[in-house]
């Protein structure tokens, strides 16, 4: 629809919910850095106002947009990514008011929106619960989609700010032109700067960890690791999981925290060109002692390559921010050990 390709992005759909509204999140980027810290306090993972530092010397950037909470109710859906239509964008893209009325394009024009890209989502239902010896596992939707899309750097530098929104409607309602049935996500405002992120939001260097394990056990047998992973589900602290993807830029590692309650690690990694793997740490108490289980994943598919468990003399009290930082520092160590061995 657009005469210029204005965005390179990745839209990932991972759904097991049926909500009244959908959720839009920005994942990691290439040729750009998200300055705003990730938060999990709101319904969606990312804040609604983000600042991105972009490289003005490259022709295009890549931003990952993830849309979640799409109903898996057996209906066909159409998913749209929209941008607010400003006077500048209208001029840059030479947009004109649609000649026909009561069409989707006409409806978007009235809402001052521009259609960026769309995705057809075939009917999907929640998978049946699988029984285990303990209980039924949660139902999940068999739905994971990735859609690439292009954004021109020069356009971003001229516009300086964009308001992005996702829209969802059933195919039946779309054909019947029932535009009042459209479900919208929150509006995310993206501000673009050409300099590095401001000092106040730059990633702080992790302090030296105070964690000193008494003993370390390496897992080389997959069955034993599987048993340990299953047990850790019942023994980890509340919110006692730390998950990061490994972003390798100029031969240096950056550990980027991700929320795997929203999307699996591989979805975050696929949205990142320089992602080489991920690390999962489970902080737990067992037999009145503290333990941390580390899993090192390699590649875009997040294959488990190494695993270690650390034993501590005293149990952990609560999952504090300090403990999370210390576990991240230890995760960094084990990640380096694992990748060096390959």
Protein backbone atom coordinates (compact mmCIF):
# COMPACT_ATOMS: atom_id res chain seq x y z
CA UNK A 1 0.00 0.00 0.00
CA UNK A 2 2.80 2.40 0.85
CA UNK A 3 4.89 3.80 -1.99
CA UNK A 4 7.93 3.65 0.30
CA UNK A 5 9.02 0.73 2.41
CA UNK A 6 9.20 2.48 5.75
CA UNK A 7 9.78 -0.22 8.32
CA UNK A 8 11.71 -3.44 8.72
CA UNK A 9 10.16 -5.31 11.59
CA UNK A 10 9.30 -8.70 12.88
CA UNK A 11 5.75 -9.35 14.06
CA UNK A 12 5.53 -12.43 16.21
CA UNK A 13 2.22 -13.95 17.20
CA UNK A 14 2.23 -16.25 20.22
CA UNK A 15 -1.17 -16.68 21.76
CA UNK A 16 -2.96 -18.70 24.36
CA UNK A 17 -5.36 -16.03 25.60
CA UNK A 18 -8.85 -14.76 24.81
CA UNK A 19 -8.85 -11.13 25.88
CA UNK A 20 -10.98 -8.10 25.08
CA UNK A 21 -7.94 -6.29 23.73
CA UNK A 22 -4.64 -7.30 22.19
CA UNK A 23 -1.16 -6.43 23.37
CA UNK A 24 1.61 -4.81 21.33
CA UNK A 25 5.26 -5.04 22.40
CA UNK A 26 8.50 -3.94 20.79
CA UNK A 27 11.16 -6.63 20.89
CA UNK A 28 14.87 -6.14 20.28
CA UNK A 29 16.19 -4.28 17.26
CA UNK A 30 19.05 -4.26 14.76
CA UNK A 31 20.82 -0.97 13.89
CA UNK A 32 18.92 0.57 16.80
CA UNK A 33 18.90 0.43 20.60
CA UNK A 34 15.83 0.60 22.81
CA UNK A 35 16.77 3.11 25.51
CA UNK A 36 13.73 2.62 27.76
CA UNK A 37 14.14 -0.18 30.34
CA UNK A 38 11.89 -3.23 29.96
CA UNK A 39 9.10 -3.46 32.53
CA UNK A 40 6.61 -6.15 33.47
CA UNK A 41 4.40 -4.00 35.70
CA UNK A 42 1.81 -3.35 33.00
CA UNK A 43 -0.35 -5.74 31.01
CA UNK A 44 2.19 -5.61 28.20
CA UNK A 45 5.93 -6.15 28.63
CA UNK A 46 7.18 -2.90 27.12
CA UNK A 47 6.25 0.66 28.14
CA UNK A 48 3.96 2.61 25.80
CA UNK A 49 6.55 5.35 25.25
CA UNK A 50 9.95 4.30 23.96
CA UNK A 51 13.08 6.09 22.83
CA UNK A 52 15.22 4.36 20.21
CA UNK A 53 18.76 5.38 19.29
CA UNK A 54 19.21 4.61 15.60
CA UNK A 55 22.21 4.47 13.30
CA UNK A 56 21.65 7.21 10.72
CA UNK A 57 24.28 5.75 8.39
CA UNK A 58 22.34 2.58 7.57
CA UNK A 59 19.47 2.63 5.04
CA UNK A 60 17.02 0.73 7.24
CA UNK A 61 16.50 -0.50 10.79
CA UNK A 62 14.81 -3.58 12.19
CA UNK A 63 12.27 -3.40 15.00
CA UNK A 64 10.48 -6.40 16.42
CA UNK A 65 6.76 -5.95 17.04
CA UNK A 66 5.03 -8.73 18.96
CA UNK A 67 1.25 -9.01 19.18
CA UNK A 68 -0.18 -11.20 21.93
CA UNK A 69 -3.51 -12.11 23.53
CA UNK A 70 -5.07 -13.04 20.20
CA UNK A 71 -8.07 -15.33 20.84
CA UNK A 72 -7.59 -18.96 19.87
CA UNK A 73 -11.33 -19.49 19.45
CA UNK A 74 -11.57 -21.29 16.12
CA UNK A 75 -12.18 -18.12 14.07
CA UNK A 76 -10.18 -16.70 11.18
CA UNK A 77 -8.61 -13.33 11.99
CA UNK A 78 -6.93 -10.44 10.23
CA UNK A 79 -4.15 -8.65 12.11
CA UNK A 80 -3.02 -5.17 11.08
CA UNK A 81 -0.12 -2.97 12.12
CA UNK A 82 -1.02 0.73 11.93
CA UNK A 83 0.83 4.04 12.15
CA UNK A 84 -0.75 7.37 13.05
CA UNK A 85 -1.16 9.52 9.91
CA UNK A 86 0.53 12.88 10.39
CA UNK A 87 0.72 15.77 7.93
CA UNK A 88 4.39 15.04 7.38
CA UNK A 89 3.84 11.35 6.62
CA UNK A 90 0.93 12.20 4.35
CA UNK A 91 3.23 14.51 2.42
CA UNK A 92 6.25 12.18 2.39
CA UNK A 93 4.22 9.21 1.21
CA UNK A 94 1.89 11.28 -1.03
CA UNK A 95 -1.20 9.75 0.53
CA UNK A 96 -4.69 10.61 -0.72
CA UNK A 97 -8.15 10.12 0.74
CA UNK A 98 -9.76 6.88 -0.54
CA UNK A 99 -12.39 7.43 -3.22
CA UNK A 100 -14.64 4.63 -1.96
CA UNK A 101 -16.59 4.82 1.30
CA UNK A 102 -17.27 2.28 4.06
CA UNK A 103 -14.10 0.38 3.16
CA UNK A 104 -11.35 -0.52 5.59
CA UNK A 105 -9.07 2.08 3.99
CA UNK A 106 -11.79 4.71 4.37
CA UNK A 107 -12.30 3.73 8.02
CA UNK A 108 -8.56 4.04 8.70
CA UNK A 109 -8.46 7.44 6.98
CA UNK A 110 -11.17 8.70 9.33
CA UNK A 111 -9.16 7.36 12.28
CA UNK A 112 -6.03 9.06 10.89
CA UNK A 113 -4.23 5.74 10.60
CA UNK A 114 -1.98 4.26 7.92
CA UNK A 115 -1.93 0.52 7.22
CA UNK A 116 1.66 -0.73 7.43
CA UNK A 117 1.21 -4.44 6.98
CA UNK A 118 -1.28 -7.21 7.65
CA UNK A 119 -1.31 -10.88 8.53
CA UNK A 120 -3.95 -13.52 7.88
CA UNK A 121 -4.41 -15.74 10.93
CA UNK A 122 -6.20 -19.03 10.19
CA UNK A 123 -8.62 -20.52 12.70
CA UNK A 124 -6.82 -21.90 15.73
CA UNK A 125 -8.12 -23.57 18.87
CA UNK A 126 -6.45 -24.23 22.20
CA UNK A 127 -4.78 -27.62 22.26
CA UNK A 128 -6.30 -30.18 24.57
CA UNK A 129 -4.77 -30.45 28.02
CA UNK A 130 -2.13 -33.15 28.27
CA UNK A 131 -2.31 -35.27 31.42
CA UNK A 132 0.76 -35.87 33.58
CA UNK A 133 1.21 -37.78 36.81
CA UNK A 134 0.84 -34.50 38.69
CA UNK A 135 -1.92 -32.65 36.84
CA UNK A 136 -3.08 -31.44 33.47
CA UNK A 137 -0.68 -29.10 31.72
CA UNK A 138 -1.99 -25.65 30.72
CA UNK A 139 -3.71 -25.41 27.36
CA UNK A 140 -1.72 -23.55 24.72
CA UNK A 141 -2.48 -22.27 21.25
CA UNK A 142 -0.58 -23.85 18.40
CA UNK A 143 0.21 -20.46 16.89
CA UNK A 144 3.58 -18.79 16.32
CA UNK A 145 4.01 -16.51 13.28
CA UNK A 146 6.73 -14.15 12.12
CA UNK A 147 6.13 -11.46 9.51
CA UNK A 148 9.03 -9.32 8.18
CA UNK A 149 8.41 -5.70 7.21
CA UNK A 150 10.61 -2.60 6.13
CA UNK A 151 11.25 0.91 7.67
CA UNK A 152 13.38 3.54 5.89
CA UNK A 153 15.89 5.34 8.15
CA UNK A 154 15.60 8.67 6.30
CA UNK A 155 11.83 8.68 6.88
CA UNK A 156 12.33 8.02 10.59
CA UNK A 157 14.79 10.90 10.90
CA UNK A 158 12.34 13.27 9.23
CA UNK A 159 9.32 12.10 11.23
CA UNK A 160 11.30 11.75 14.53
CA UNK A 161 8.34 10.11 16.25
CA UNK A 162 5.77 7.45 15.32
CA UNK A 163 2.65 6.16 17.05
CA UNK A 164 2.18 2.43 16.42
CA UNK A 165 -0.94 0.35 17.06
CA UNK A 166 -2.12 -3.16 16.27
CA UNK A 167 -5.68 -3.97 15.19
CA UNK A 168 -7.49 -7.30 15.09
CA UNK A 169 -10.79 -8.32 13.51
CA UNK A 170 -12.38 -11.61 12.50
CA UNK A 171 -12.45 -12.34 8.79
CA UNK A 172 -16.24 -12.60 8.95
CA UNK A 173 -16.62 -9.14 10.52
CA UNK A 174 -14.10 -7.71 8.05
CA UNK A 175 -16.07 -8.95 5.06
CA UNK A 176 -19.26 -7.53 6.60
CA UNK A 177 -17.53 -4.16 7.14
CA UNK A 178 -18.29 -4.27 10.89
CA UNK A 179 -15.53 -1.86 11.82
CA UNK A 180 -16.90 -1.42 15.34
CA UNK A 181 -15.79 -5.01 16.00
CA UNK A 182 -12.11 -4.16 15.61
CA UNK A 183 -9.98 -4.79 18.71
CA UNK A 184 -7.11 -2.36 19.12
CA UNK A 185 -3.94 -2.62 21.14
CA UNK A 186 -2.61 0.24 23.21
CA UNK A 187 -0.80 2.96 21.24
CA UNK A 188 2.99 2.80 21.51
CA UNK A 189 4.86 6.03 20.77
CA UNK A 190 8.37 5.56 19.40
CA UNK A 191 10.80 8.49 19.50
CA UNK A 192 13.96 8.29 17.39
CA UNK A 193 17.31 9.87 18.21
CA UNK A 194 20.61 9.60 16.32
CA UNK A 195 22.87 9.81 19.37
CA UNK A 196 23.44 7.08 21.92
CA UNK A 197 20.91 6.52 24.67
CA UNK A 198 20.97 9.16 27.44
CA UNK A 199 23.20 8.34 30.40
CA UNK A 200 20.28 7.94 32.78
CA UNK A 201 18.90 5.00 30.79
CA UNK A 202 22.14 3.38 29.66
CA UNK A 203 22.58 -0.15 30.84
CA UNK A 204 24.48 -0.15 34.14
CA UNK A 205 27.39 -2.49 34.57
CA UNK A 206 26.53 -5.36 36.86
CA UNK A 207 28.27 -5.19 40.22
CA UNK A 208 30.54 -8.03 41.30
CA UNK A 209 28.42 -10.85 42.61
CA UNK A 210 28.51 -11.85 46.26
CA UNK A 211 27.29 -15.37 45.49
CA UNK A 212 29.86 -17.97 46.50
CA UNK A 213 28.60 -21.52 45.83
CA UNK A 214 29.81 -24.33 48.09
CA UNK A 215 29.54 -26.90 45.33
CA UNK A 216 28.79 -27.02 41.59
CA UNK A 217 27.26 -29.90 39.65
CA UNK A 218 27.42 -30.13 35.86
CA UNK A 219 24.65 -32.00 34.01
CA UNK A 220 25.79 -34.07 31.06
CA UNK A 221 22.93 -36.59 31.15
CA UNK A 222 19.76 -35.19 29.57
CA UNK A 223 17.45 -37.44 31.62
CA UNK A 224 18.94 -36.21 34.89
CA UNK A 225 18.67 -32.62 33.68
CA UNK A 226 15.04 -33.16 32.72
CA UNK A 227 14.32 -34.53 36.21
CA UNK A 228 16.06 -31.54 37.78
CA UNK A 229 14.13 -29.08 35.59
CA UNK A 230 10.84 -30.71 36.58
CA UNK A 231 11.68 -30.55 40.30
CA UNK A 232 12.73 -26.90 40.07
CA UNK A 233 9.20 -25.97 39.02
CA UNK A 234 8.05 -26.74 42.57
CA UNK A 235 11.07 -25.46 44.52
CA UNK A 236 11.98 -22.13 42.93
CA UNK A 237 11.29 -18.87 44.73
CA UNK A 238 8.32 -16.72 43.81
CA UNK A 239 9.38 -14.88 40.63
CA UNK A 240 12.62 -16.81 41.02
CA UNK A 241 13.48 -17.10 37.35
CA UNK A 242 15.99 -14.97 35.43
CA UNK A 243 15.96 -15.22 31.63
CA UNK A 244 18.15 -13.38 29.14
CA UNK A 245 19.05 -13.62 25.48
CA UNK A 246 22.68 -13.18 24.45
CA UNK A 247 23.24 -10.40 21.93
CA UNK A 248 26.74 -10.42 20.41
CA UNK A 249 27.81 -7.09 18.87
CA UNK A 250 31.43 -6.35 17.85
CA UNK A 251 32.46 -9.58 19.56
CA UNK A 252 31.04 -8.35 22.89
CA UNK A 253 28.14 -9.87 24.81
CA UNK A 254 25.05 -8.07 26.02
CA UNK A 255 22.62 -9.95 28.26
CA UNK A 256 19.14 -8.70 27.46
CA UNK A 257 16.42 -9.60 30.03
CA UNK A 258 13.24 -11.05 28.50
CA UNK A 259 9.84 -12.07 29.85
CA UNK A 260 9.17 -15.70 28.90
CA UNK A 261 5.64 -15.52 30.33
CA UNK A 262 4.85 -13.46 27.21
CA UNK A 263 6.91 -15.24 24.53
CA UNK A 264 9.39 -18.14 24.40
CA UNK A 265 13.10 -17.27 24.31
CA UNK A 266 13.43 -18.23 20.65
CA UNK A 267 10.84 -15.59 19.64
CA UNK A 268 12.93 -12.86 21.24
CA UNK A 269 16.07 -14.29 19.65
CA UNK A 270 14.53 -14.46 16.17
CA UNK A 271 13.79 -10.73 16.41
CA UNK A 272 17.47 -10.03 17.01
CA UNK A 273 19.98 -10.43 14.17
CA UNK A 274 22.96 -10.79 16.51
CA UNK A 275 21.32 -13.13 19.04
CA UNK A 276 23.46 -16.23 19.60
CA UNK A 277 21.51 -17.90 22.40
CA UNK A 278 20.06 -17.45 25.85
CA UNK A 279 20.44 -18.28 29.54
CA UNK A 280 17.77 -19.40 32.00
CA UNK A 281 18.43 -19.40 35.75
CA UNK A 282 16.08 -20.88 38.36
CA UNK A 283 16.71 -19.66 41.93
CA UNK A 284 15.34 -22.14 44.44
CA UNK A 285 15.45 -23.58 47.95
CA UNK A 286 15.72 -27.32 48.51
CA UNK A 287 16.43 -29.24 51.72
CA UNK A 288 16.90 -25.95 53.59
CA UNK A 289 19.67 -24.84 51.23
CA UNK A 290 19.83 -22.45 48.31
CA UNK A 291 20.31 -23.71 44.75
CA UNK A 292 20.55 -22.07 41.33
CA UNK A 293 20.06 -24.10 38.16
CA UNK A 294 21.53 -22.57 34.98
CA UNK A 295 20.63 -23.67 31.46
CA UNK A 296 22.68 -22.34 28.55
CA UNK A 297 20.88 -22.31 25.19
CA UNK A 298 22.64 -21.89 21.85
CA UNK A 299 21.41 -20.69 18.47
CA UNK A 300 18.14 -19.18 17.28
CA UNK A 301 16.29 -22.39 18.19
CA UNK A 302 17.58 -22.21 21.77
CA UNK A 303 19.04 -25.71 21.99
CA UNK A 304 20.11 -26.60 25.55
CA UNK A 305 23.88 -27.08 25.34
CA UNK A 306 25.12 -26.87 28.94
CA UNK A 307 23.66 -26.91 32.44
CA UNK A 308 25.04 -26.41 35.94
CA UNK A 309 23.57 -26.29 39.44
CA UNK A 310 25.14 -24.30 42.25
CA UNK A 311 24.64 -25.25 45.91
CA UNK A 312 24.68 -22.69 48.74
CA UNK A 313 24.97 -23.19 52.51
CA UNK A 314 21.93 -21.05 53.37
CA UNK A 315 18.47 -20.83 51.78
CA UNK A 316 17.55 -17.71 49.85
CA UNK A 317 15.03 -15.51 51.66
CA UNK A 318 13.27 -13.68 48.84
CA UNK A 319 13.82 -12.93 45.16
CA UNK A 320 15.32 -9.46 45.62
CA UNK A 321 16.72 -7.22 42.90
CA UNK A 322 20.19 -7.79 44.33
CA UNK A 323 19.80 -11.57 44.11
CA UNK A 324 18.58 -11.20 40.53
CA UNK A 325 21.67 -9.14 39.62
CA UNK A 326 23.96 -11.63 41.35
CA UNK A 327 22.34 -14.54 39.49
CA UNK A 328 22.80 -12.64 36.21
CA UNK A 329 26.50 -12.21 36.96
CA UNK A 330 26.84 -15.93 37.59
CA UNK A 331 24.81 -16.65 34.43
CA UNK A 332 27.30 -14.54 32.47
CA UNK A 333 30.13 -16.71 33.83
CA UNK A 334 28.49 -20.03 32.92
CA UNK A 335 27.47 -18.73 29.50
CA UNK A 336 31.09 -17.86 28.73
CA UNK A 337 32.23 -21.30 29.92
CA UNK A 338 29.67 -23.07 27.74
CA UNK A 339 30.34 -21.09 24.56
CA UNK A 340 34.12 -21.36 25.02
CA UNK A 341 33.84 -25.15 25.18
CA UNK A 342 32.07 -25.36 21.79
